[in-house]
Amino acid sequence: MVPLPKRKLSKGRRDRRRAHDALGVPALGECSNCHQPVLPHRVCPHCGFYKGRQVLEIKAEKPATK
């Protein structure tokens, strides 16, 4: 048999244990080229620069026509 708890955990005790499980806001840096917010250690999705040099070529968006 597997061990089982002797008493039911109260909702307050359960929720206090989970108090540190919430997700936080990601830390954003600033792109050195276009000054847009960007995640650290990632290529800028707006201009394609990383550490001061261009590593991706970003194509301009075409306006949608009907």
N, C-alpha and C. Protein backbone atom coordinates (compact mmCIF):
# COMPACT_ATOMS: atom_id res chain seq x y z
N MET A 1 0.83 -1.18 0.00
CA MET A 1 0.00 0.00 0.00
C MET A 1 0.88 1.25 0.00
N VAL A 2 0.35 2.28 -0.59
CA VAL A 2 1.08 3.55 -0.62
C VAL A 2 0.66 4.40 0.56
N PRO A 3 1.55 5.25 1.06
CA PRO A 3 1.19 6.10 2.21
C PRO A 3 0.17 7.16 1.80
N LEU A 4 -0.77 7.41 2.69
CA LEU A 4 -1.81 8.40 2.46
C LEU A 4 -1.77 9.43 3.58
N PRO A 5 -2.22 10.67 3.32
CA PRO A 5 -2.24 11.67 4.38
C PRO A 5 -3.26 11.31 5.47
N LYS A 6 -2.90 11.60 6.72
CA LYS A 6 -3.81 11.27 7.82
C LYS A 6 -4.97 12.25 7.91
N ARG A 7 -4.70 13.53 7.59
CA ARG A 7 -5.72 14.57 7.70
C ARG A 7 -5.79 15.36 6.40
N LYS A 8 -6.96 15.92 6.15
CA LYS A 8 -7.15 16.76 4.97
C LYS A 8 -6.40 18.08 5.17
N LEU A 9 -5.68 18.51 4.14
CA LEU A 9 -5.02 19.82 4.19
C LEU A 9 -6.07 20.91 3.98
N SER A 10 -6.00 21.93 4.80
CA SER A 10 -6.95 23.03 4.64
C SER A 10 -6.63 23.81 3.36
N LYS A 11 -7.63 24.53 2.87
CA LYS A 11 -7.43 25.31 1.64
C LYS A 11 -6.37 26.39 1.84
N GLY A 12 -6.34 26.96 3.03
CA GLY A 12 -5.35 28.00 3.31
C GLY A 12 -3.94 27.46 3.28
N ARG A 13 -3.72 26.30 3.89
CA ARG A 13 -2.38 25.70 3.90
C ARG A 13 -1.96 25.30 2.50
N ARG A 14 -2.89 24.74 1.74
CA ARG A 14 -2.60 24.35 0.35
C ARG A 14 -2.23 25.58 -0.49
N ASP A 15 -3.00 26.66 -0.32
CA ASP A 15 -2.77 27.85 -1.12
C ASP A 15 -1.50 28.58 -0.71
N ARG A 16 -1.12 28.53 0.56
CA ARG A 16 0.15 29.14 0.98
C ARG A 16 1.33 28.41 0.37
N ARG A 17 1.21 27.12 0.22
CA ARG A 17 2.29 26.35 -0.41
C ARG A 17 2.45 26.74 -1.87
N ARG A 18 1.35 27.09 -2.52
CA ARG A 18 1.38 27.44 -3.94
C ARG A 18 1.60 28.94 -4.17
N ALA A 19 1.93 29.69 -3.14
CA ALA A 19 2.04 31.14 -3.28
C ALA A 19 3.17 31.55 -4.21
N HIS A 20 4.20 30.73 -4.37
CA HIS A 20 5.36 31.10 -5.19
C HIS A 20 5.28 30.52 -6.59
N ASP A 21 4.16 29.89 -6.96
CA ASP A 21 4.05 29.25 -8.26
C ASP A 21 3.57 30.17 -9.37
N ALA A 22 3.20 31.40 -9.06
CA ALA A 22 2.66 32.31 -10.07
C ALA A 22 3.78 32.74 -11.03
N LEU A 23 3.41 32.95 -12.28
CA LEU A 23 4.37 33.42 -13.28
C LEU A 23 4.60 34.91 -13.11
N GLY A 24 5.83 35.32 -13.32
CA GLY A 24 6.17 36.73 -13.22
C GLY A 24 6.21 37.39 -14.58
N VAL A 25 6.39 38.69 -14.58
CA VAL A 25 6.50 39.45 -15.81
C VAL A 25 7.90 39.24 -16.38
N PRO A 26 8.04 38.94 -17.69
CA PRO A 26 9.38 38.73 -18.24
C PRO A 26 10.20 40.02 -18.21
N ALA A 27 11.49 39.87 -17.95
CA ALA A 27 12.39 41.02 -17.93
C ALA A 27 12.73 41.38 -19.37
N LEU A 28 12.42 42.61 -19.76
CA LEU A 28 12.67 43.05 -21.13
C LEU A 28 13.84 44.03 -21.16
N GLY A 29 14.66 43.88 -22.17
CA GLY A 29 15.74 44.82 -22.41
C GLY A 29 15.36 45.72 -23.57
N GLU A 30 16.31 46.54 -24.00
CA GLU A 30 16.06 47.45 -25.11
C GLU A 30 16.99 47.09 -26.25
N CYS A 31 16.45 47.03 -27.46
CA CYS A 31 17.26 46.75 -28.64
C CYS A 31 18.22 47.91 -28.86
N SER A 32 19.49 47.62 -29.12
CA SER A 32 20.48 48.67 -29.31
C SER A 32 20.31 49.39 -30.64
N ASN A 33 19.56 48.79 -31.57
CA ASN A 33 19.40 49.40 -32.89
C ASN A 33 18.10 50.19 -33.00
N CYS A 34 16.96 49.55 -32.71
CA CYS A 34 15.66 50.22 -32.91
C CYS A 34 15.01 50.66 -31.60
N HIS A 35 15.61 50.33 -30.45
CA HIS A 35 15.15 50.74 -29.13
C HIS A 35 13.75 50.22 -28.79
N GLN A 36 13.37 49.09 -29.35
CA GLN A 36 12.12 48.43 -29.02
C GLN A 36 12.38 47.46 -27.87
N PRO A 37 11.38 47.14 -27.04
CA PRO A 37 11.59 46.14 -25.98
C PRO A 37 11.80 44.76 -26.59
N VAL A 38 12.77 44.02 -26.05
CA VAL A 38 13.11 42.70 -26.59
C VAL A 38 13.56 41.80 -25.43
N LEU A 39 13.26 40.51 -25.53
CA LEU A 39 13.70 39.57 -24.51
C LEU A 39 15.22 39.44 -24.54
N PRO A 40 15.86 39.27 -23.39
CA PRO A 40 17.32 39.17 -23.37
C PRO A 40 17.82 37.91 -24.08
N HIS A 41 18.97 38.02 -24.72
CA HIS A 41 19.63 36.93 -25.43
C HIS A 41 18.80 36.40 -26.60
N ARG A 42 18.03 37.28 -27.23
CA ARG A 42 17.21 36.91 -28.38
C ARG A 42 17.43 37.95 -29.48
N VAL A 43 17.22 37.53 -30.72
CA VAL A 43 17.28 38.44 -31.85
C VAL A 43 16.05 39.35 -31.79
N CYS A 44 16.23 40.62 -32.10
CA CYS A 44 15.12 41.57 -32.08
C CYS A 44 14.15 41.20 -33.20
N PRO A 45 12.87 40.96 -32.88
CA PRO A 45 11.91 40.59 -33.93
C PRO A 45 11.52 41.76 -34.81
N HIS A 46 11.85 42.99 -34.41
CA HIS A 46 11.47 44.17 -35.18
C HIS A 46 12.49 44.52 -36.25
N CYS A 47 13.79 44.40 -35.93
CA CYS A 47 14.81 44.82 -36.89
C CYS A 47 15.80 43.71 -37.25
N GLY A 48 15.85 42.61 -36.47
CA GLY A 48 16.73 41.50 -36.79
C GLY A 48 18.15 41.65 -36.28
N PHE A 49 18.40 42.59 -35.39
CA PHE A 49 19.74 42.81 -34.86
C PHE A 49 19.94 42.02 -33.57
N TYR A 50 21.19 41.58 -33.33
CA TYR A 50 21.57 40.93 -32.08
C TYR A 50 23.00 41.32 -31.78
N LYS A 51 23.24 41.89 -30.62
CA LYS A 51 24.56 42.34 -30.17
C LYS A 51 25.21 43.30 -31.18
N GLY A 52 24.42 44.21 -31.70
CA GLY A 52 24.96 45.25 -32.57
C GLY A 52 25.17 44.87 -34.02
N ARG A 53 24.82 43.66 -34.41
CA ARG A 53 24.97 43.30 -35.83
C ARG A 53 23.69 42.63 -36.31
N GLN A 54 23.45 42.74 -37.61
CA GLN A 54 22.23 42.19 -38.19
C GLN A 54 22.43 40.70 -38.48
N VAL A 55 21.54 39.89 -37.92
CA VAL A 55 21.63 38.44 -38.11
C VAL A 55 20.41 37.90 -38.86
N LEU A 56 19.31 38.66 -38.91
CA LEU A 56 18.11 38.27 -39.65
C LEU A 56 17.69 39.42 -40.54
N GLU A 57 17.17 39.07 -41.70
CA GLU A 57 16.60 40.10 -42.57
C GLU A 57 15.09 40.07 -42.38
N ILE A 58 14.55 41.18 -41.93
CA ILE A 58 13.13 41.29 -41.67
C ILE A 58 12.46 41.90 -42.91
N LYS A 59 11.46 41.18 -43.44
CA LYS A 59 10.76 41.68 -44.61
C LYS A 59 9.66 42.65 -44.16
N ALA A 60 9.42 43.67 -44.97
CA ALA A 60 8.37 44.65 -44.66
C ALA A 60 7.00 44.01 -44.91
N GLU A 61 6.04 44.34 -44.04
CA GLU A 61 4.70 43.77 -44.19
C GLU A 61 3.96 44.46 -45.33
N LYS A 62 3.25 43.68 -46.11
CA LYS A 62 2.45 44.23 -47.19
C LYS A 62 1.06 44.57 -46.66
N PRO A 63 0.50 45.73 -47.06
CA PRO A 63 -0.86 46.03 -46.61
C PRO A 63 -1.87 45.10 -47.28
N ALA A 64 -2.85 44.67 -46.51
CA ALA A 64 -3.85 43.75 -47.02
C ALA A 64 -4.84 44.50 -47.92
N THR A 65 -5.06 43.96 -49.10
CA THR A 65 -6.02 44.58 -50.04
C THR A 65 -7.16 43.61 -50.28
N LYS A 66 -8.33 44.16 -50.48
CA LYS A 66 -9.50 43.30 -50.71
C LYS A 66 -9.96 43.40 -52.13
